[in-house]
Protein backbone atom coordinates (compact mmCIF):
# COMPACT_ATOMS: atom_id res chain seq x y z
CA MET A 1 -0.13 0.05 0.05
CA ARG A 2 2.13 2.84 1.32
CA SER A 3 5.64 2.86 2.58
CA PHE A 4 6.37 6.02 4.93
CA LEU A 5 9.25 7.51 3.24
CA SER A 6 7.77 7.36 -0.36
CA ALA A 7 3.86 7.62 0.25
CA CYS A 8 3.88 10.96 -1.57
CA LEU A 9 5.72 9.49 -4.76
CA PHE A 10 3.64 6.34 -4.59
CA ALA A 11 0.24 8.15 -4.58
CA THR A 12 1.28 10.47 -7.25
CA ILE A 13 2.45 7.83 -9.72
CA LEU A 14 -0.63 5.34 -8.55
CA THR A 15 -2.84 8.13 -9.26
CA ILE A 16 -1.72 8.94 -12.98
CA ALA A 17 -1.39 5.22 -13.87
CA THR A 18 -4.92 4.30 -12.25
CA SER A 19 -7.02 7.42 -13.35
CA CYS A 20 -7.77 6.45 -16.74
CA ALA A 21 -7.64 2.95 -16.53
CA ARG A 22 -10.29 2.50 -13.50
CA PRO A 23 -13.20 4.81 -13.15
CA VAL A 24 -14.37 5.96 -9.92
CA HIS A 25 -17.91 5.47 -9.11
CA ALA A 26 -18.56 7.96 -6.52
CA ALA A 27 -21.85 7.42 -3.97
CA PRO A 28 -24.59 9.69 -4.86
CA ASP A 29 -25.46 12.83 -2.54
CA SER A 30 -27.25 10.81 -0.04
CA LEU A 31 -27.98 6.91 0.53
CA PRO A 32 -31.34 5.74 1.78
CA GLN A 33 -31.39 4.03 5.21
CA PRO A 34 -31.42 0.19 5.32
CA THR A 35 -34.69 -1.13 5.61
CA VAL A 36 -33.80 -4.14 7.49
CA ASP A 37 -31.66 -3.88 10.70
CA LEU A 38 -30.68 -6.15 13.53
CA PRO A 39 -32.93 -7.17 16.30
CA ALA A 40 -32.87 -5.21 19.03
CA ALA A 41 -30.03 -5.13 21.77
CA LYS A 42 -30.20 -6.01 25.14
CA GLU A 43 -29.69 -3.19 27.78
CA GLY A 44 -26.05 -2.44 28.08
CA GLU A 45 -25.16 -4.68 25.08
CA THR A 46 -21.79 -3.92 22.95
CA ARG A 47 -21.50 -5.18 19.52
CA THR A 48 -19.10 -5.29 16.58
CA ALA A 49 -18.70 -5.01 13.02
CA VAL A 50 -16.20 -5.64 10.39
CA PHE A 51 -15.92 -4.00 7.34
CA ALA A 52 -13.17 -3.40 4.58
CA GLY A 53 -13.05 -0.79 2.07
CA GLY A 54 -9.75 0.20 0.67
CA CYS A 55 -6.80 1.15 3.05
CA PHE A 56 -7.58 0.48 6.75
CA TRP A 57 -5.94 3.79 7.71
CA CYS A 58 -8.92 5.51 5.90
CA VAL A 59 -11.91 3.34 7.12
CA GLU A 60 -10.77 3.53 10.50
CA ALA A 61 -10.93 7.36 10.32
CA VAL A 62 -14.17 7.44 9.19
CA PHE A 63 -15.51 5.43 11.70
CA GLU A 64 -13.99 6.77 14.95
CA PRO A 65 -15.85 10.21 14.89
CA LEU A 66 -19.32 8.34 15.11
CA ILE A 67 -21.42 8.84 17.92
CA GLY A 68 -21.85 5.29 19.81
CA VAL A 69 -18.76 3.95 18.21
CA THR A 70 -16.45 3.58 21.24
CA ASP A 71 -13.51 1.91 19.46
CA VAL A 72 -11.97 0.96 15.87
CA VAL A 73 -9.03 -1.45 15.34
CA SER A 74 -7.22 -1.77 11.96
CA GLY A 75 -6.46 -5.33 11.14
CA TYR A 76 -6.86 -8.36 8.59
CA ALA A 77 -9.99 -10.40 7.65
CA GLY A 78 -10.74 -13.15 5.22
CA GLY A 79 -7.44 -15.00 5.69
CA SER A 80 -5.48 -17.42 8.26
CA ALA A 81 -3.35 -16.26 11.18
CA ALA A 82 -0.25 -17.81 9.64
CA ASP A 83 0.31 -14.80 6.98
CA ALA A 84 -1.89 -12.17 8.92
CA ASP A 85 0.82 -9.83 8.84
CA TYR A 86 1.23 -6.30 6.87
CA ARG A 87 3.83 -7.28 4.56
CA LYS A 88 2.38 -10.56 3.31
CA VAL A 89 -1.38 -9.03 3.35
CA SER A 90 0.04 -5.61 1.07
CA SER A 91 1.59 -8.13 -1.23
CA GLY A 92 -1.76 -9.67 -2.28
CA GLU A 93 -0.93 -13.18 -2.08
CA THR A 94 -3.27 -13.94 1.01
CA ASN A 95 -6.84 -13.86 0.80
CA HIS A 96 -6.97 -11.12 3.70
CA ALA A 97 -8.49 -7.85 3.28
CA GLU A 98 -7.38 -4.85 4.92
CA SER A 99 -10.20 -4.37 7.65
CA VAL A 100 -11.78 -2.74 10.42
CA LEU A 101 -13.22 -3.93 13.63
CA ILE A 102 -15.80 -1.49 14.92
CA THR A 103 -17.11 -1.69 18.50
CA TYR A 104 -20.37 0.45 19.02
CA ASP A 105 -23.05 0.73 21.46
CA PRO A 106 -26.36 -0.13 19.55
CA SER A 107 -28.41 1.94 21.81
CA LYS A 108 -26.52 5.31 20.07
CA ILE A 109 -26.02 3.65 16.54
CA SER A 110 -27.23 1.17 14.73
CA TYR A 111 -25.59 -1.53 12.58
CA ALA A 112 -27.93 -0.39 9.58
CA THR A 113 -26.39 3.22 10.30
CA LEU A 114 -22.94 2.01 10.23
CA LEU A 115 -23.58 0.02 6.80
CA ARG A 116 -24.93 3.10 5.45
CA VAL A 117 -21.80 5.18 6.39
CA PHE A 118 -19.64 2.49 4.97
CA MET A 119 -21.58 2.26 1.65
CA THR A 120 -21.34 6.10 1.37
CA MET A 121 -17.97 6.67 2.39
CA HIS A 122 -16.05 4.38 -0.67
CA SER A 123 -16.94 3.13 -3.78
CA PRO A 124 -18.89 -0.23 -3.08
CA THR A 125 -19.26 -0.60 -7.30
CA THR A 126 -15.44 -0.92 -7.50
CA LYS A 127 -14.16 -4.57 -7.61
CA ASP A 128 -10.64 -5.20 -5.67
CA GLY A 129 -9.62 -1.82 -4.66
CA GLN A 130 -10.21 1.60 -3.72
CA HIS A 131 -8.52 4.54 -5.48
CA PRO A 132 -5.43 4.76 -5.23
CA ASP A 133 -5.02 1.16 -3.88
CA TYR A 134 -5.93 -1.76 -5.85
CA GLY A 135 -5.55 -5.52 -5.12
CA HIS A 136 -7.70 -8.43 -3.48
CA GLN A 137 -6.39 -7.14 -0.23
CA TYR A 138 -8.14 -3.64 -0.81
CA ARG A 139 -11.37 -5.40 -1.89
CA SER A 140 -14.95 -3.88 -0.49
CA ALA A 141 -16.32 -6.31 2.20
CA ILE A 142 -18.77 -6.91 4.85
CA PHE A 143 -17.52 -9.56 7.15
CA TYR A 144 -20.38 -11.35 9.04
CA ALA A 145 -20.29 -12.98 12.61
CA ASN A 146 -23.71 -14.25 12.66
CA ASP A 147 -26.82 -14.75 10.33
CA ASP A 148 -28.55 -11.91 11.31
CA GLU A 149 -25.84 -9.46 10.09
CA LYS A 150 -25.69 -11.38 7.12
CA ARG A 151 -29.27 -10.88 6.32
CA VAL A 152 -28.99 -7.22 6.91
CA ALA A 153 -25.91 -6.95 4.73
CA ASP A 154 -27.46 -9.01 1.89
CA ALA A 155 -30.71 -7.01 2.14
CA TYR A 156 -29.24 -3.63 1.84
CA ILE A 157 -27.18 -4.50 -0.93
CA LYS A 158 -30.13 -5.83 -2.69
CA GLN A 159 -32.09 -2.52 -1.61
CA LEU A 160 -29.35 -0.17 -3.10
CA ASN A 161 -29.06 -2.36 -6.24
CA GLU A 162 -32.79 -2.44 -6.86
CA ALA A 163 -33.20 1.10 -6.49
CA LYS A 164 -30.31 1.74 -8.90
CA VAL A 165 -28.83 4.20 -6.48
CA PHE A 166 -25.47 3.45 -8.02
CA ASP A 167 -24.47 3.32 -11.65
CA LYS A 168 -23.03 0.09 -11.40
CA PRO A 169 -24.16 -3.03 -9.42
CA ILE A 170 -22.48 -3.24 -6.09
CA ALA A 171 -19.36 -5.36 -5.94
CA THR A 172 -19.10 -5.62 -2.23
CA THR A 173 -18.73 -8.72 -0.82
CA VAL A 174 -20.31 -10.52 2.28
CA GLU A 175 -18.12 -12.76 3.49
CA LYS A 176 -18.21 -14.96 6.85
CA LEU A 177 -15.84 -13.81 9.59
CA ASP A 178 -13.84 -16.55 11.08
CA LYS A 179 -11.28 -14.32 12.81
CA PHE A 180 -10.25 -10.84 12.93
CA TYR A 181 -6.63 -10.42 13.28
CA PRO A 182 -5.22 -6.88 14.79
CA ALA A 183 -2.92 -4.94 12.68
CA GLU A 184 0.72 -4.07 13.54
CA GLN A 185 0.48 -1.28 16.44
CA TYR A 186 1.92 1.48 14.14
CA HIS A 187 -1.29 1.21 12.15
CA GLN A 188 -3.52 1.98 14.78
CA ASP A 189 -4.83 5.48 14.81
CA TYR A 190 -2.48 6.14 11.91
CA VAL A 191 -4.51 9.16 10.59
CA LYS A 192 -4.62 10.83 13.90
CA ASN A 193 -1.10 10.00 14.60
CA HIS A 194 0.39 11.11 11.27
CA PRO A 195 -1.99 14.01 10.14
CA ASP A 196 0.68 15.24 7.84
CA ASP A 197 1.92 12.13 6.13
CA PRO A 198 1.47 12.70 2.41
CA TYR A 199 -1.06 9.82 1.97
CA VAL A 200 -3.00 10.79 4.78
CA VAL A 201 -3.54 14.30 3.38
CA ARG A 202 -4.17 13.20 -0.22
CA TRP A 203 -6.60 10.35 0.53
CA ALA A 204 -7.71 10.35 4.24
CA VAL A 205 -8.28 14.15 4.85
CA PRO A 206 -10.85 14.41 1.97
CA LYS A 207 -12.59 11.52 3.52
CA LEU A 208 -13.24 12.98 6.51
CA ASP A 209 -14.14 16.08 5.06
CA LYS A 210 -16.93 14.23 3.18
CA LEU A 211 -17.89 12.62 6.35
CA ARG A 212 -18.77 15.97 8.18
CA HIS A 213 -20.71 17.07 5.21
CA LYS A 214 -22.73 14.02 4.70
CA PHE A 215 -23.24 13.04 8.23
CA PRO A 216 -23.00 15.95 10.81
CA GLU A 217 -25.87 14.32 12.90
CA LEU A 218 -23.98 11.34 13.41
CA LEU A 219 -20.57 13.10 14.72
CA LYS A 220 -19.23 13.22 18.29
CA PRO A 221 -18.95 17.06 19.19
CA SER A 222 -15.09 16.98 18.79
CA ALA A 223 -15.10 15.73 15.26
CA LYS A 224 -17.50 18.31 14.06
CA GLN A 225 -14.53 20.88 13.42
CA SER A 226 -12.79 20.86 10.09
């Protein structure tokens, strides 16, 4: 994905190389709320969700500011423990996807709302990658931990496709979550800890601006400031 010393050069080269070859299918101005959601939570219950949508630095940064989200961890899903490390995953030789594990309070934010944010904040019609990162490890995926999560995810994808919300069919995969493997410590809170990194400035900051524009009602007070 990115090396720390060459992030700016990498992003520039890859932007030029992919801009003509791979169209970016941006989300419409507003996505509908899912019509299906998980069963009501028990009092005091905490839940988790695992999503993959390109660079996990950016996905983590998008979900951390949301009201009701208590923790977001960058990591790997879809592969085995033996090769769940950054060098192997970023090579594209494993079946992992760069993913995030979101811990949330369902009394404050629903799984359906998390799905809506997820589908809005990346390009779910792009197969195996998100600009500027391409490969199976950067695929768009919803990893379900139980049948209810699968039912809600499948229903929302069907809802968006039938409504023709996007100009192409959704490419997001719905995959069974066998295990989530936290990424190396230096990846955690990367956007927050490295605001001047060229990759962060070029790709993560615009996503956060978009988040503030599209979902101001979902943001923690500290996240509403630009």
